[in-house]
Amino acid sequence: MAQYMLSAHSVDGEVREPMTEERMQQFYERIGALEEEMKSAGAWVFAGRLHEPDTATVVRVSEGETLTTDGPFAESKEHLGGFYIVEAEDLDSAIGWASKTAAIVAAPIEVRPLDEMPDA
């Protein structure tokens, strides 16, 4: 089976209706149920949710010296907010998981296959 990254992106300045405690609890229950479904189906590999882009540190090496800067690497209105790595038979199966995820998080989900790395 191939592995795919399902990535959710946030948009700076996007105005979303604030969630009440009840709606937040419902959201976490729905995400938890989806993640359990992924695990039961053998699709789950791992997932990560990211802090806001302004918490990022960018590391560069120039002439052997390590340089760091605050903030995201790219000046952009859209930033990676979180991701899932799933195993799926094919792209259509990965899109199925992305569709379920998009319905819950109310954001577009990008689906990209992971490149297979040769055994080290």
PDB file of N, CA and C in Angstrom:
ATOM      1  N   MET A   1       0.840  -1.186   0.000  1.00  0.00           N
ATOM      2  CA  MET A   1       0.000   0.000   0.000  1.00  0.00           C
ATOM      3  C   MET A   1       0.880   1.243   0.000  1.00  0.00           C
ATOM      4  N   ALA A   2       0.397   2.258  -0.613  1.00  0.00           N
ATOM      5  CA  ALA A   2       1.117   3.529  -0.670  1.00  0.00           C
ATOM      6  C   ALA A   2       0.733   4.399   0.526  1.00  0.00           C
ATOM      7  N   GLN A   3       1.618   5.332   0.867  1.00  0.00           N
ATOM      8  CA  GLN A   3       1.315   6.297   1.913  1.00  0.00           C
ATOM      9  C   GLN A   3       1.044   7.652   1.275  1.00  0.00           C
ATOM     10  N   TYR A   4       0.098   8.357   1.877  1.00  0.00           N
ATOM     11  CA  TYR A   4      -0.308   9.680   1.403  1.00  0.00           C
ATOM     12  C   TYR A   4      -0.339  10.644   2.571  1.00  0.00           C
ATOM     13  N   MET A   5       0.009  11.895   2.290  1.00  0.00           N
ATOM     14  CA  MET A   5      -0.168  12.940   3.282  1.00  0.00           C
ATOM     15  C   MET A   5      -1.452  13.681   2.951  1.00  0.00           C
ATOM     16  N   LEU A   6      -2.314  13.805   3.942  1.00  0.00           N
ATOM     17  CA  LEU A   6      -3.517  14.620   3.831  1.00  0.00           C
ATOM     18  C   LEU A   6      -3.244  15.865   4.655  1.00  0.00           C
ATOM     19  N   SER A   7      -3.085  17.003   4.008  1.00  0.00           N
ATOM     20  CA  SER A   7      -2.717  18.211   4.740  1.00  0.00           C
ATOM     21  C   SER A   7      -3.847  19.225   4.734  1.00  0.00           C
ATOM     22  N   ALA A   8      -4.058  19.811   5.912  1.00  0.00           N
ATOM     23  CA  ALA A   8      -5.072  20.850   6.088  1.00  0.00           C
ATOM     24  C   ALA A   8      -4.362  22.186   6.207  1.00  0.00           C
ATOM     25  N   HIS A   9      -4.876  23.169   5.526  1.00  0.00           N
ATOM     26  CA  HIS A   9      -4.247  24.483   5.507  1.00  0.00           C
ATOM     27  C   HIS A   9      -5.174  25.520   6.117  1.00  0.00           C
ATOM     28  N   SER A  10      -4.572  26.488   6.800  1.00  0.00           N
ATOM     29  CA  SER A  10      -5.331  27.602   7.353  1.00  0.00           C
ATOM     30  C   SER A  10      -4.997  28.847   6.554  1.00  0.00           C
ATOM     31  N   VAL A  11      -5.884  29.810   6.609  1.00  0.00           N
ATOM     32  CA  VAL A  11      -5.697  31.059   5.876  1.00  0.00           C
ATOM     33  C   VAL A  11      -5.625  32.202   6.881  1.00  0.00           C
ATOM     34  N   ASP A  12      -4.501  32.960   6.852  1.00  0.00           N
ATOM     35  CA  ASP A  12      -4.369  34.122   7.730  1.00  0.00           C
ATOM     36  C   ASP A  12      -5.502  35.092   7.470  1.00  0.00           C
ATOM     37  N   GLY A  13      -6.071  35.601   8.533  1.00  0.00           N
ATOM     38  CA  GLY A  13      -7.107  36.614   8.400  1.00  0.00           C
ATOM     39  C   GLY A  13      -8.477  36.056   8.065  1.00  0.00           C
ATOM     40  N   GLU A  14      -8.570  34.740   7.850  1.00  0.00           N
ATOM     41  CA  GLU A  14      -9.868  34.151   7.543  1.00  0.00           C
ATOM     42  C   GLU A  14     -10.762  34.276   8.773  1.00  0.00           C
ATOM     43  N   VAL A  15     -11.937  34.834   8.576  1.00  0.00           N
ATOM     44  CA  VAL A  15     -12.860  35.030   9.684  1.00  0.00           C
ATOM     45  C   VAL A  15     -13.756  33.807   9.775  1.00  0.00           C
ATOM     46  N   ARG A  16     -13.657  33.131  10.899  1.00  0.00           N
ATOM     47  CA  ARG A  16     -14.495  31.959  11.165  1.00  0.00           C
ATOM     48  C   ARG A  16     -15.329  32.259  12.394  1.00  0.00           C
ATOM     49  N   GLU A  17     -16.521  31.747  12.380  1.00  0.00           N
ATOM     50  CA  GLU A  17     -17.377  31.901  13.538  1.00  0.00           C
ATOM     51  C   GLU A  17     -16.727  31.205  14.731  1.00  0.00           C
ATOM     52  N   PRO A  18     -16.570  31.908  15.856  1.00  0.00           N
ATOM     53  CA  PRO A  18     -15.959  31.265  17.024  1.00  0.00           C
ATOM     54  C   PRO A  18     -16.799  30.069  17.478  1.00  0.00           C
ATOM     55  N   MET A  19     -16.123  29.008  17.919  1.00  0.00           N
ATOM     56  CA  MET A  19     -16.832  27.821  18.382  1.00  0.00           C
ATOM     57  C   MET A  19     -17.167  27.952  19.857  1.00  0.00           C
ATOM     58  N   THR A  20     -18.377  27.576  20.184  1.00  0.00           N
ATOM     59  CA  THR A  20     -18.767  27.482  21.584  1.00  0.00           C
ATOM     60  C   THR A  20     -18.084  26.250  22.175  1.00  0.00           C
ATOM     61  N   GLU A  21     -18.086  26.124  23.488  1.00  0.00           N
ATOM     62  CA  GLU A  21     -17.527  24.929  24.134  1.00  0.00           C
ATOM     63  C   GLU A  21     -18.220  23.682  23.603  1.00  0.00           C
ATOM     64  N   GLU A  22     -19.522  23.752  23.446  1.00  0.00           N
ATOM     65  CA  GLU A  22     -20.291  22.596  22.962  1.00  0.00           C
ATOM     66  C   GLU A  22     -19.881  22.221  21.537  1.00  0.00           C
ATOM     67  N   ARG A  23     -19.760  23.215  20.656  1.00  0.00           N
ATOM     68  CA  ARG A  23     -19.351  22.931  19.278  1.00  0.00           C
ATOM     69  C   ARG A  23     -17.916  22.413  19.221  1.00  0.00           C
ATOM     70  N   MET A  24     -17.042  22.929  20.072  1.00  0.00           N
ATOM     71  CA  MET A  24     -15.660  22.453  20.124  1.00  0.00           C
ATOM     72  C   MET A  24     -15.650  20.994  20.561  1.00  0.00           C
ATOM     73  N   GLN A  25     -16.439  20.646  21.566  1.00  0.00           N
ATOM     74  CA  GLN A  25     -16.517  19.257  22.031  1.00  0.00           C
ATOM     75  C   GLN A  25     -17.025  18.346  20.915  1.00  0.00           C
ATOM     76  N   GLN A  26     -18.053  18.801  20.176  1.00  0.00           N
ATOM     77  CA  GLN A  26     -18.581  18.017  19.055  1.00  0.00           C
ATOM     78  C   GLN A  26     -17.514  17.828  17.975  1.00  0.00           C
ATOM     79  N   PHE A  27     -16.754  18.882  17.701  1.00  0.00           N
ATOM     80  CA  PHE A  27     -15.684  18.808  16.709  1.00  0.00           C
ATOM     81  C   PHE A  27     -14.668  17.741  17.118  1.00  0.00           C
ATOM     82  N   TYR A  28     -14.206  17.788  18.367  1.00  0.00           N
ATOM     83  CA  TYR A  28     -13.213  16.821  18.832  1.00  0.00           C
ATOM     84  C   TYR A  28     -13.765  15.401  18.815  1.00  0.00           C
ATOM     85  N   GLU A  29     -15.037  15.244  19.101  1.00  0.00           N
ATOM     86  CA  GLU A  29     -15.657  13.918  19.036  1.00  0.00           C
ATOM     87  C   GLU A  29     -15.674  13.404  17.595  1.00  0.00           C
ATOM     88  N   ARG A  30     -16.001  14.275  16.646  1.00  0.00           N
ATOM     89  CA  ARG A  30     -16.045  13.869  15.236  1.00  0.00           C
ATOM     90  C   ARG A  30     -14.653  13.531  14.724  1.00  0.00           C
ATOM     91  N   ILE A  31     -13.660  14.345  15.066  1.00  0.00           N
ATOM     92  CA  ILE A  31     -12.278  14.066  14.654  1.00  0.00           C
ATOM     93  C   ILE A  31     -11.811  12.761  15.298  1.00  0.00           C
ATOM     94  N   GLY A  32     -12.117  12.573  16.564  1.00  0.00           N
ATOM     95  CA  GLY A  32     -11.729  11.342  17.255  1.00  0.00           C
ATOM     96  C   GLY A  32     -12.352  10.114  16.606  1.00  0.00           C
ATOM     97  N   ALA A  33     -13.629  10.231  16.208  1.00  0.00           N
ATOM     98  CA  ALA A  33     -14.308   9.116  15.547  1.00  0.00           C
ATOM     99  C   ALA A  33     -13.668   8.816  14.191  1.00  0.00           C
ATOM    100  N   LEU A  34     -13.310   9.859  13.437  1.00  0.00           N
ATOM    101  CA  LEU A  34     -12.648   9.657  12.147  1.00  0.00           C
ATOM    102  C   LEU A  34     -11.296   8.977  12.349  1.00  0.00           C
ATOM    103  N   GLU A  35     -10.540   9.422  13.327  1.00  0.00           N
ATOM    104  CA  GLU A  35      -9.230   8.834  13.586  1.00  0.00           C
ATOM    105  C   GLU A  35      -9.360   7.370  14.002  1.00  0.00           C
ATOM    106  N   GLU A  36     -10.370   7.042  14.789  1.00  0.00           N
ATOM    107  CA  GLU A  36     -10.621   5.645  15.160  1.00  0.00           C
ATOM    108  C   GLU A  36     -11.002   4.824  13.935  1.00  0.00           C
ATOM    109  N   GLU A  37     -11.798   5.413  13.043  1.00  0.00           N
ATOM    110  CA  GLU A  37     -12.164   4.726  11.800  1.00  0.00           C
ATOM    111  C   GLU A  37     -10.919   4.440  10.956  1.00  0.00           C
ATOM    112  N   MET A  38     -10.014   5.427  10.860  1.00  0.00           N
ATOM    113  CA  MET A  38      -8.760   5.235  10.126  1.00  0.00           C
ATOM    114  C   MET A  38      -7.956   4.099  10.734  1.00  0.00           C
ATOM    115  N   LYS A  39      -7.857   4.092  12.062  1.00  0.00           N
ATOM    116  CA  LYS A  39      -7.085   3.050  12.751  1.00  0.00           C
ATOM    117  C   LYS A  39      -7.711   1.674  12.525  1.00  0.00           C
ATOM    118  N   SER A  40      -9.031   1.581  12.648  1.00  0.00           N
ATOM    119  CA  SER A  40      -9.729   0.309  12.454  1.00  0.00           C
ATOM    120  C   SER A  40      -9.552  -0.224  11.036  1.00  0.00           C
ATOM    121  N   ALA A  41      -9.473   0.692  10.064  1.00  0.00           N
ATOM    122  CA  ALA A  41      -9.332   0.301   8.661  1.00  0.00           C
ATOM    123  C   ALA A  41      -7.872   0.021   8.287  1.00  0.00           C
ATOM    124  N   GLY A  42      -6.950   0.249   9.214  1.00  0.00           N
ATOM    125  CA  GLY A  42      -5.536   0.037   8.923  1.00  0.00           C
ATOM    126  C   GLY A  42      -4.927   1.150   8.085  1.00  0.00           C
ATOM    127  N   ALA A  43      -5.600   2.298   8.001  1.00  0.00           N
ATOM    128  CA  ALA A  43      -5.110   3.410   7.192  1.00  0.00           C
ATOM    129  C   ALA A  43      -4.222   4.361   7.997  1.00  0.00           C
ATOM    130  N   TRP A  44      -4.439   4.428   9.304  1.00  0.00           N
ATOM    131  CA  TRP A  44      -3.727   5.370  10.157  1.00  0.00           C
ATOM    132  C   TRP A  44      -2.243   5.053  10.216  1.00  0.00           C
ATOM    133  N   VAL A  45      -1.385   6.033   9.967  1.00  0.00           N
ATOM    134  CA  VAL A  45       0.041   5.913  10.217  1.00  0.00           C
ATOM    135  C   VAL A  45       0.400   6.853  11.363  1.00  0.00           C
ATOM    136  N   PHE A  46       0.169   8.146  11.177  1.00  0.00           N
ATOM    137  CA  PHE A  46       0.278   9.121  12.257  1.00  0.00           C
ATOM    138  C   PHE A  46      -0.305  10.445  11.794  1.00  0.00           C
ATOM    139  N   ALA A  47      -0.430  11.380  12.738  1.00  0.00           N
ATOM    140  CA  ALA A  47      -1.000  12.688  12.433  1.00  0.00           C
ATOM    141  C   ALA A  47      -0.316  13.734  13.289  1.00  0.00           C
ATOM    142  N   GLY A  48      -0.443  14.984  12.890  1.00  0.00           N
ATOM    143  CA  GLY A  48       0.105  16.080  13.673  1.00  0.00           C
ATOM    144  C   GLY A  48      -0.704  17.342  13.459  1.00  0.00           C
ATOM    145  N   ARG A  49      -0.925  18.039  14.540  1.00  0.00           N
ATOM    146  CA  ARG A  49      -1.563  19.354  14.483  1.00  0.00           C
ATOM    147  C   ARG A  49      -0.497  20.369  14.865  1.00  0.00           C
ATOM    148  N   LEU A  50      -0.439  21.456  14.121  1.00  0.00           N
ATOM    149  CA  LEU A  50       0.628  22.435  14.301  1.00  0.00           C
ATOM    150  C   LEU A  50       0.138  23.689  15.016  1.00  0.00           C
ATOM    151  N   HIS A  51       1.062  24.326  15.753  1.00  0.00           N
ATOM    152  CA  HIS A  51       0.781  25.636  16.331  1.00  0.00           C
ATOM    153  C   HIS A  51       0.718  26.654  15.197  1.00  0.00           C
ATOM    154  N   GLU A  52       0.352  27.862  15.521  1.00  0.00           N
ATOM    155  CA  GLU A  52       0.234  28.929  14.532  1.00  0.00           C
ATOM    156  C   GLU A  52       1.577  29.185  13.840  1.00  0.00           C
ATOM    157  N   PRO A  53       1.556  29.670  12.581  1.00  0.00           N
ATOM    158  CA  PRO A  53       2.788  29.881  11.818  1.00  0.00           C
ATOM    159  C   PRO A  53       3.780  30.840  12.481  1.00  0.00           C
ATOM    160  N   ASP A  54       3.292  31.784  13.279  1.00  0.00           N
ATOM    161  CA  ASP A  54       4.215  32.739  13.896  1.00  0.00           C
ATOM    162  C   ASP A  54       5.057  32.101  15.002  1.00  0.00           C
ATOM    163  N   THR A  55       4.805  30.829  15.329  1.00  0.00           N
ATOM    164  CA  THR A  55       5.636  30.120  16.305  1.00  0.00           C
ATOM    165  C   THR A  55       6.799  29.393  15.636  1.00  0.00           C
ATOM    166  N   ALA A  56       6.856  29.436  14.315  1.00  0.00           N
ATOM    167  CA  ALA A  56       7.885  28.706  13.569  1.00  0.00           C
ATOM    168  C   ALA A  56       9.252  29.379  13.704  1.00  0.00           C
ATOM    169  N   THR A  57      10.284  28.570  13.597  1.00  0.00           N
ATOM    170  CA  THR A  57      11.661  29.040  13.504  1.00  0.00           C
ATOM    171  C   THR A  57      12.248  28.438  12.235  1.00  0.00           C
ATOM    172  N   VAL A  58      12.815  29.269  11.391  1.00  0.00           N
ATOM    173  CA  VAL A  58      13.416  28.811  10.144  1.00  0.00           C
ATOM    174  C   VAL A  58      14.927  28.717  10.352  1.00  0.00           C
ATOM    175  N   VAL A  59      15.501  27.582   9.976  1.00  0.00           N
ATOM    176  CA  VAL A  59      16.934  27.332  10.147  1.00  0.00           C
ATOM    177  C   VAL A  59      17.592  27.260   8.773  1.00  0.00           C
ATOM    178  N   ARG A  60      18.648  28.023   8.601  1.00  0.00           N
ATOM    179  CA  ARG A  60      19.439  28.004   7.365  1.00  0.00           C
ATOM    180  C   ARG A  60      20.905  27.832   7.739  1.00  0.00           C
ATOM    181  N   VAL A  61      21.674  27.260   6.837  1.00  0.00           N
ATOM    182  CA  VAL A  61      23.125  27.181   7.026  1.00  0.00           C
ATOM    183  C   VAL A  61      23.764  27.923   5.864  1.00  0.00           C
ATOM    184  N   SER A  62      24.593  28.890   6.187  1.00  0.00           N
ATOM    185  CA  SER A  62      25.287  29.685   5.190  1.00  0.00           C
ATOM    186  C   SER A  62      26.761  29.740   5.572  1.00  0.00           C
ATOM    187  N   GLU A  63      27.606  29.269   4.662  1.00  0.00           N
ATOM    188  CA  GLU A  63      29.047  29.244   4.895  1.00  0.00           C
ATOM    189  C   GLU A  63      29.380  28.579   6.226  1.00  0.00           C
ATOM    190  N   GLY A  64      28.678  27.475   6.525  1.00  0.00           N
ATOM    191  CA  GLY A  64      28.939  26.707   7.736  1.00  0.00           C
ATOM    192  C   GLY A  64      28.340  27.283   9.004  1.00  0.00           C
ATOM    193  N   GLU A  65      27.682  28.424   8.912  1.00  0.00           N
ATOM    194  CA  GLU A  65      27.083  29.052  10.090  1.00  0.00           C
ATOM    195  C   GLU A  65      25.580  28.834  10.085  1.00  0.00           C
ATOM    196  N   THR A  66      25.036  28.433  11.242  1.00  0.00           N
ATOM    197  CA  THR A  66      23.594  28.231  11.365  1.00  0.00           C
ATOM    198  C   THR A  66      22.925  29.560  11.679  1.00  0.00           C
ATOM    199  N   LEU A  67      21.947  29.905  10.867  1.00  0.00           N
ATOM    200  CA  LEU A  67      21.186  31.145  11.039  1.00  0.00           C
ATOM    201  C   LEU A  67      19.730  30.786  11.297  1.00  0.00           C
ATOM    202  N   THR A  68      19.098  31.464  12.245  1.00  0.00           N
ATOM    203  CA  THR A  68      17.679  31.233  12.519  1.00  0.00           C
ATOM    204  C   THR A  68      16.906  32.532  12.397  1.00  0.00           C
ATOM    205  N   THR A  69      15.678  32.422  11.920  1.00  0.00           N
ATOM    206  CA  THR A  69      14.777  33.571  11.861  1.00  0.00           C
ATOM    207  C   THR A  69      13.423  33.127  12.396  1.00  0.00           C
ATOM    208  N   ASP A  70      12.691  34.066  12.952  1.00  0.00           N
ATOM    209  CA  ASP A  70      11.358  33.790  13.473  1.00  0.00           C
ATOM    210  C   ASP A  70      10.341  33.814  12.346  1.00  0.00           C
ATOM    211  N   GLY A  71       9.279  33.070  12.551  1.00  0.00           N
ATOM    212  CA  GLY A  71       8.157  33.101  11.624  1.00  0.00           C
ATOM    213  C   GLY A  71       8.244  32.006  10.584  1.00  0.00           C
ATOM    214  N   PRO A  72       7.203  31.890   9.799  1.00  0.00           N
ATOM    215  CA  PRO A  72       7.164  30.812   8.797  1.00  0.00           C
ATOM    216  C   PRO A  72       8.198  31.044   7.690  1.00  0.00           C
ATOM    217  N   PHE A  73       8.541  29.954   7.030  1.00  0.00           N
ATOM    218  CA  PHE A  73       9.513  30.004   5.935  1.00  0.00           C
ATOM    219  C   PHE A  73       9.010  30.901   4.806  1.00  0.00           C
ATOM    220  N   ALA A  74       7.758  30.697   4.398  1.00  0.00           N
ATOM    221  CA  ALA A  74       7.210  31.431   3.253  1.00  0.00           C
ATOM    222  C   ALA A  74       6.282  32.546   3.721  1.00  0.00           C
ATOM    223  N   GLU A  75       6.403  33.696   3.087  1.00  0.00           N
ATOM    224  CA  GLU A  75       5.448  34.779   3.308  1.00  0.00           C
ATOM    225  C   GLU A  75       4.195  34.415   2.524  1.00  0.00           C
ATOM    226  N   SER A  76       3.177  34.028   3.233  1.00  0.00           N
ATOM    227  CA  SER A  76       1.981  33.523   2.575  1.00  0.00           C
ATOM    228  C   SER A  76       0.774  33.744   3.463  1.00  0.00           C
ATOM    229  N   LYS A  77      -0.396  33.769   2.851  1.00  0.00           N
ATOM    230  CA  LYS A  77      -1.629  33.849   3.633  1.00  0.00           C
ATOM    231  C   LYS A  77      -2.101  32.465   4.046  1.00  0.00           C
ATOM    232  N   GLU A  78      -1.614  31.439   3.365  1.00  0.00           N
ATOM    233  CA  GLU A  78      -2.015  30.067   3.673  1.00  0.00           C
ATOM    234  C   GLU A  78      -0.847  29.327   4.300  1.00  0.00           C
ATOM    235  N   HIS A  79      -1.148  28.556   5.354  1.00  0.00           N
ATOM    236  CA  HIS A  79      -0.115  27.819   6.067  1.00  0.00           C
ATOM    237  C   HIS A  79      -0.624  26.433   6.424  1.00  0.00           C
ATOM    238  N   LEU A  80       0.311  25.498   6.507  1.00  0.00           N
ATOM    239  CA  LEU A  80      -0.016  24.151   6.936  1.00  0.00           C
ATOM    240  C   LEU A  80      -0.480  24.200   8.380  1.00  0.00           C
ATOM    241  N   GLY A  81      -1.661  23.622   8.640  1.00  0.00           N
ATOM    242  CA  GLY A  81      -2.208  23.622   9.991  1.00  0.00           C
ATOM    243  C   GLY A  81      -2.102  22.269  10.667  1.00  0.00           C
ATOM    244  N   GLY A  82      -2.070  21.213   9.862  1.00  0.00           N
ATOM    245  CA  GLY A  82      -1.978  19.868  10.402  1.00  0.00           C
ATOM    246  C   GLY A  82      -1.990  18.868   9.270  1.00  0.00           C
ATOM    247  N   PHE A  83      -1.784  17.602   9.614  1.00  0.00           N
ATOM    248  CA  PHE A  83      -1.705  16.598   8.561  1.00  0.00           C
ATOM    249  C   PHE A  83      -1.977  15.210   9.115  1.00  0.00           C
ATOM    250  N   TYR A  84      -2.331  14.322   8.232  1.00  0.00           N
ATOM    251  CA  TYR A  84      -2.401  12.885   8.496  1.00  0.00           C
ATOM    252  C   TYR A  84      -1.499  12.201   7.497  1.00  0.00           C
ATOM    253  N   ILE A  85      -0.851  11.140   7.922  1.00  0.00           N
ATOM    254  CA  ILE A  85      -0.189  10.224   7.005  1.00  0.00           C
ATOM    255  C   ILE A  85      -1.036   8.959   7.050  1.00  0.00           C
ATOM    256  N   VAL A  86      -1.545   8.558   5.889  1.00  0.00           N
ATOM    257  CA  VAL A  86      -2.398   7.373   5.816  1.00  0.00           C
ATOM    258  C   VAL A  86      -1.835   6.390   4.800  1.00  0.00           C
ATOM    259  N   GLU A  87      -2.174   5.128   4.976  1.00  0.00           N
ATOM    260  CA  GLU A  87      -1.881   4.110   3.981  1.00  0.00           C
ATOM    261  C   GLU A  87      -3.171   3.838   3.236  1.00  0.00           C
ATOM    262  N   ALA A  88      -3.072   3.790   1.914  1.00  0.00           N
ATOM    263  CA  ALA A  88      -4.262   3.569   1.096  1.00  0.00           C
ATOM    264  C   ALA A  88      -3.877   2.745  -0.123  1.00  0.00           C
ATOM    265  N   GLU A  89      -4.837   1.984  -0.617  1.00  0.00           N
ATOM    266  CA  GLU A  89      -4.609   1.153  -1.801  1.00  0.00           C
ATOM    267  C   GLU A  89      -4.233   1.992  -3.016  1.00  0.00           C
ATOM    268  N   ASP A  90      -4.885   3.169  -3.126  1.00  0.00           N
ATOM    269  CA  ASP A  90      -4.676   4.006  -4.302  1.00  0.00           C
ATOM    270  C   ASP A  90      -5.116   5.428  -3.990  1.00  0.00           C
ATOM    271  N   LEU A  91      -4.947   6.315  -4.958  1.00  0.00           N
ATOM    272  CA  LEU A  91      -5.313   7.724  -4.780  1.00  0.00           C
ATOM    273  C   LEU A  91      -6.789   7.881  -4.442  1.00  0.00           C
ATOM    274  N   ASP A  92      -7.647   7.110  -5.093  1.00  0.00           N
ATOM    275  CA  ASP A  92      -9.085   7.228  -4.806  1.00  0.00           C
ATOM    276  C   ASP A  92      -9.394   6.932  -3.343  1.00  0.00           C
ATOM    277  N   SER A  93      -8.733   5.933  -2.771  1.00  0.00           N
ATOM    278  CA  SER A  93      -8.941   5.612  -1.356  1.00  0.00           C
ATOM    279  C   SER A  93      -8.444   6.752  -0.465  1.00  0.00           C
ATOM    280  N   ALA A  94      -7.297   7.325  -0.812  1.00  0.00           N
ATOM    281  CA  ALA A  94      -6.767   8.454  -0.047  1.00  0.00           C
ATOM    282  C   ALA A  94      -7.712   9.655  -0.146  1.00  0.00           C
ATOM    283  N   ILE A  95      -8.276   9.863  -1.317  1.00  0.00           N
ATOM    284  CA  ILE A  95      -9.242  10.961  -1.487  1.00  0.00           C
ATOM    285  C   ILE A  95     -10.479  10.723  -0.635  1.00  0.00           C
ATOM    286  N   GLY A  96     -10.863   9.471  -0.464  1.00  0.00           N
ATOM    287  CA  GLY A  96     -11.990   9.156   0.411  1.00  0.00           C
ATOM    288  C   GLY A  96     -11.734   9.622   1.840  1.00  0.00           C
ATOM    289  N   TRP A  97     -10.533   9.349   2.359  1.00  0.00           N
ATOM    290  CA  TRP A  97     -10.183   9.821   3.701  1.00  0.00           C
ATOM    291  C   TRP A  97     -10.114  11.340   3.743  1.00  0.00           C
ATOM    292  N   ALA A  98      -9.576  11.947   2.692  1.00  0.00           N
ATOM    293  CA  ALA A  98      -9.489  13.414   2.634  1.00  0.00           C
ATOM    294  C   ALA A  98     -10.872  14.042   2.635  1.00  0.00           C
ATOM    295  N   SER A  99     -11.796  13.419   1.940  1.00  0.00           N
ATOM    296  CA  SER A  99     -13.166  13.930   1.888  1.00  0.00           C
ATOM    297  C   SER A  99     -13.808  13.928   3.274  1.00  0.00           C
ATOM    298  N   LYS A 100     -13.616  12.847   4.000  1.00  0.00           N
ATOM    299  CA  LYS A 100     -14.171  12.771   5.357  1.00  0.00           C
ATOM    300  C   LYS A 100     -13.522  13.809   6.262  1.00  0.00           C
ATOM    301  N   THR A 101     -12.221  14.004   6.097  1.00  0.00           N
ATOM    302  CA  THR A 101     -11.503  14.983   6.906  1.00  0.00           C
ATOM    303  C   THR A 101     -11.967  16.400   6.583  1.00  0.00           C
ATOM    304  N   ALA A 102     -12.082  16.714   5.293  1.00  0.00           N
ATOM    305  CA  ALA A 102     -12.510  18.059   4.870  1.00  0.00           C
ATOM    306  C   ALA A 102     -13.897  18.395   5.404  1.00  0.00           C
ATOM    307  N   ALA A 103     -14.780  17.402   5.436  1.00  0.00           N
ATOM    308  CA  ALA A 103     -16.137  17.638   5.932  1.00  0.00           C
ATOM    309  C   ALA A 103     -16.123  18.024   7.409  1.00  0.00           C
ATOM    310  N   ILE A 104     -15.178  17.479   8.158  1.00  0.00           N
ATOM    311  CA  ILE A 104     -15.115  17.774   9.596  1.00  0.00           C
ATOM    312  C   ILE A 104     -14.396  19.082   9.869  1.00  0.00           C
ATOM    313  N   VAL A 105     -13.255  19.300   9.240  1.00  0.00           N
ATOM    314  CA  VAL A 105     -12.453  20.487   9.563  1.00  0.00           C
ATOM    315  C   VAL A 105     -12.884  21.729   8.782  1.00  0.00           C
ATOM    316  N   ALA A 106     -13.773  21.552   7.819  1.00  0.00           N
ATOM    317  CA  ALA A 106     -14.286  22.683   7.024  1.00  0.00           C
ATOM    318  C   ALA A 106     -13.149  23.466   6.372  1.00  0.00           C
ATOM    319  N   ALA A 107     -12.187  22.723   5.815  1.00  0.00           N
ATOM    320  CA  ALA A 107     -11.060  23.337   5.114  1.00  0.00           C
ATOM    321  C   ALA A 107     -10.640  22.401   3.993  1.00  0.00           C
ATOM    322  N   PRO A 108     -10.022  22.942   2.952  1.00  0.00           N
ATOM    323  CA  PRO A 108      -9.523  22.075   1.885  1.00  0.00           C
ATOM    324  C   PRO A 108      -8.432  21.152   2.406  1.00  0.00           C
ATOM    325  N   ILE A 109      -8.382  19.954   1.862  1.00  0.00           N
ATOM    326  CA  ILE A 109      -7.366  18.979   2.223  1.00  0.00           C
ATOM    327  C   ILE A 109      -6.581  18.632   0.965  1.00  0.00           C
ATOM    328  N   GLU A 110      -5.265  18.827   1.016  1.00  0.00           N
ATOM    329  CA  GLU A 110      -4.398  18.455  -0.099  1.00  0.00           C
ATOM    330  C   GLU A 110      -3.959  17.008   0.099  1.00  0.00           C
ATOM    331  N   VAL A 111      -4.013  16.217  -0.966  1.00  0.00           N
ATOM    332  CA  VAL A 111      -3.597  14.818  -0.925  1.00  0.00           C
ATOM    333  C   VAL A 111      -2.346  14.675  -1.776  1.00  0.00           C
ATOM    334  N   ARG A 112      -1.254  14.168  -1.162  1.00  0.00           N
ATOM    335  CA  ARG A 112      -0.005  13.963  -1.901  1.00  0.00           C
ATOM    336  C   ARG A 112       0.592  12.620  -1.527  1.00  0.00           C
ATOM    337  N   PRO A 113       1.009  11.856  -2.533  1.00  0.00           N
ATOM    338  CA  PRO A 113       1.669  10.594  -2.211  1.00  0.00           C
ATOM    339  C   PRO A 113       3.063  10.865  -1.645  1.00  0.00           C
ATOM    340  N   LEU A 114       3.471  10.017  -0.705  1.00  0.00           N
ATOM    341  CA  LEU A 114       4.829  10.079  -0.189  1.00  0.00           C
ATOM    342  C   LEU A 114       5.729   9.292  -1.133  1.00  0.00           C
ATOM    343  N   ASP A 115       6.891   9.812  -1.358  1.00  0.00           N
ATOM    344  CA  ASP A 115       7.874   9.144  -2.199  1.00  0.00           C
ATOM    345  C   ASP A 115       8.485   8.012  -1.388  1.00  0.00           C
ATOM    346  N   GLU A 116       8.559   6.850  -1.977  1.00  0.00           N
ATOM    347  CA  GLU A 116       9.157   5.716  -1.272  1.00  0.00           C
ATOM    348  C   GLU A 116      10.661   5.915  -1.188  1.00  0.00           C
ATOM    349  N   MET A 117      11.178   5.747   0.013  1.00  0.00           N
ATOM    350  CA  MET A 117      12.611   5.900   0.226  1.00  0.00           C
ATOM    351  C   MET A 117      13.255   4.521   0.190  1.00  0.00           C
ATOM    352  N   PRO A 118      14.405   4.412  -0.453  1.00  0.00           N
ATOM    353  CA  PRO A 118      15.093   3.124  -0.447  1.00  0.00           C
ATOM    354  C   PRO A 118      15.513   2.772   0.973  1.00  0.00           C
ATOM    355  N   ASP A 119      15.551   1.480   1.265  1.00  0.00           N
ATOM    356  CA  ASP A 119      15.980   1.042   2.592  1.00  0.00           C
ATOM    357  C   ASP A 119      17.406   1.515   2.860  1.00  0.00           C
ATOM    358  N   ALA A 120      17.596   2.001   4.050  1.00  0.00           N
ATOM    359  CA  ALA A 120      18.925   2.524   4.420  1.00  0.00           C
ATOM    360  C   ALA A 120      19.821   1.415   4.931  1.00  0.00           C
TER     361      ALA A 120
END
